[in-house]
Protein backbone atom coordinates (compact mmCIF):
# COMPACT_ATOMS: atom_id res chain seq x y z
CA MET A 1 -11.45 48.01 6.93
CA LYS A 2 -8.74 46.23 4.94
CA MET A 3 -6.95 45.29 8.17
CA ILE A 4 -10.05 43.50 9.49
CA THR A 5 -10.44 41.38 6.32
CA THR A 6 -6.76 40.44 6.26
CA THR A 7 -7.07 39.30 9.88
CA ILE A 8 -10.36 37.43 9.52
CA ARG A 9 -9.46 35.61 6.28
CA PRO A 10 -6.66 33.41 7.80
CA ILE A 11 -8.85 32.63 10.81
CA PHE A 12 -11.71 31.62 8.51
CA VAL A 13 -9.40 29.45 6.37
CA ALA A 14 -7.97 27.78 9.49
CA ALA A 15 -11.49 27.05 10.78
CA ILE A 16 -12.52 25.44 7.48
CA PHE A 17 -9.27 23.44 7.35
CA GLY A 18 -9.85 22.27 10.93
CA CYS A 19 -13.37 21.11 10.09
CA LEU A 20 -12.21 19.19 7.04
CA THR A 21 -9.32 17.49 8.82
CA SER A 22 -11.56 16.40 11.67
CA PHE A 23 -13.07 13.85 9.28
CA ALA A 24 -9.70 12.12 8.85
CA VAL A 25 -9.68 9.20 11.29
CA ALA A 26 -6.74 6.99 12.18
CA GLY A 27 -7.28 3.29 11.75
CA PRO A 28 -10.13 1.45 10.11
CA GLY A 29 -13.64 2.83 10.13
CA VAL A 30 -16.57 1.65 12.16
CA GLY A 31 -17.41 -2.00 11.59
CA SER A 32 -14.25 -2.87 9.71
CA TRP A 33 -12.78 -5.14 12.40
CA LYS A 34 -14.04 -7.39 15.16
CA THR A 35 -12.01 -7.69 18.33
CA ALA A 36 -11.11 -11.19 19.48
CA ARG A 37 -11.88 -10.90 23.19
CA GLN A 38 -13.18 -14.40 23.95
CA THR A 39 -11.81 -17.91 23.49
CA SER A 40 -14.68 -18.62 21.07
CA ASP A 41 -13.34 -15.87 18.77
CA PHE A 42 -9.92 -17.55 18.69
CA SER A 43 -11.43 -20.98 18.03
CA ALA A 44 -13.21 -19.53 14.98
CA MET A 45 -9.92 -18.31 13.44
CA LYS A 46 -8.67 -20.05 10.30
CA PRO A 47 -5.24 -19.96 8.64
CA GLU A 48 -6.53 -17.72 5.82
CA ASN A 49 -7.88 -15.07 8.24
CA HIS A 50 -6.37 -11.61 8.50
CA VAL A 51 -5.60 -11.14 12.20
CA VAL A 52 -3.85 -8.15 13.77
CA TYR A 53 -2.32 -7.45 17.16
CA VAL A 54 -3.04 -3.92 18.39
CA CYS A 55 -0.35 -2.81 20.85
CA ASN A 56 -1.38 -0.02 23.20
CA MET A 57 2.20 0.43 24.44
CA CYS A 58 3.69 1.56 21.13
CA GLU A 59 0.32 2.32 19.46
CA THR A 60 0.85 0.10 16.43
CA ILE A 61 -1.14 -2.48 14.51
CA SER A 62 0.81 -5.55 13.38
CA ASN A 63 -0.29 -8.43 11.18
CA VAL A 64 -0.08 -11.80 12.96
CA PRO A 65 -0.26 -14.84 10.67
CA VAL A 66 -2.50 -17.65 11.91
CA LYS A 67 -0.65 -20.83 10.94
CA SER A 68 -3.33 -23.27 12.08
CA LYS A 69 -6.34 -23.62 14.36
CA GLU A 70 -4.00 -24.95 17.06
CA HIS A 71 -1.79 -21.87 16.70
CA ALA A 72 -4.84 -19.63 17.18
CA MET A 73 -5.78 -21.51 20.36
CA GLU A 74 -2.19 -21.18 21.65
CA MET A 75 -2.49 -17.39 21.40
CA CYS A 76 -5.44 -17.39 23.81
CA LYS A 77 -4.05 -19.96 26.25
CA ASP A 78 -3.82 -18.61 29.81
CA GLY A 79 -0.22 -17.68 30.62
CA ALA A 80 0.99 -17.58 27.00
CA MET A 81 3.36 -14.76 26.12
CA MET A 82 2.69 -12.45 23.16
CA THR A 83 5.50 -10.29 21.77
CA CYS A 84 4.65 -7.13 19.87
CA PRO A 85 6.35 -7.32 16.44
CA SER A 86 6.99 -3.55 16.50
CA CYS A 87 8.26 -2.65 19.99
CA LYS A 88 9.31 -6.20 21.03
CA LYS A 89 7.65 -5.83 24.45
CA THR A 90 5.97 -8.95 25.79
CA SER A 91 2.51 -9.27 27.24
CA LYS A 92 0.96 -12.15 29.12
CA THR A 93 -2.30 -13.71 27.99
CA VAL A 94 -4.88 -13.79 30.77
CA VAL A 95 -8.14 -15.72 30.38
CA LYS A 96 -10.83 -14.67 32.81
CA THR A 97 -13.60 -17.13 33.54
CA PRO A 98 -16.54 -17.89 33.37
CA HIS A 99 -17.02 -16.34 29.92
CA GLY A 100 -13.48 -16.93 28.69
CA ASN A 101 -12.56 -13.26 28.24
CA VAL A 102 -9.04 -12.96 26.81
CA THR A 103 -6.82 -9.99 27.68
CA PHE A 104 -3.17 -9.22 27.01
CA GLU A 105 -1.59 -7.64 30.09
CA ASP A 106 1.81 -6.17 30.91
CA GLU A 107 3.87 -7.02 33.99
CA LYS A 108 1.77 -4.60 36.09
CA GLY A 109 -1.50 -6.34 35.16
CA LYS A 110 -2.69 -3.51 32.91
CA GLU A 111 -4.26 -4.39 29.56
CA CYS A 112 -1.72 -3.43 26.91
CA GLY A 113 -3.09 -4.88 23.67
CA PHE A 114 -5.74 -6.91 21.90
CA MET A 115 -6.28 -9.05 18.83
CA ALA A 116 -8.72 -8.21 16.04
CA MET A 117 -9.95 -9.81 12.83
CA ALA A 118 -10.44 -7.79 9.64
CA ALA A 119 -13.94 -7.30 8.22
CA ASP A 120 -13.40 -9.72 5.33
CA ASN A 121 -13.07 -12.59 7.86
CA ARG A 122 -16.64 -12.41 9.06
């Protein structure tokens, strides 16, 4: 009987630990950032906004300072190059019409990152 309890106890503790750690989420919670996927989102950016570049290649989030409204519009200009501050890989900005959807693509044409604004910017 003692052998069964010494076997079950670690399994039970591991199950409880697994349940508790499943609540730990990487990154901000739901509703804490708004992705900038259209040119209208970039035109609404101001120098005091907290803007981040999310790189899918190296899986990092980097703060990108918005220097001016013109600088924000340069980031979403078709053909502009964006360099990840962490992995130093470049992506090309592609604006798809008619809605002005902005994507950051690698040399193969695959989306490799996006911009987002923190919740306190809204």
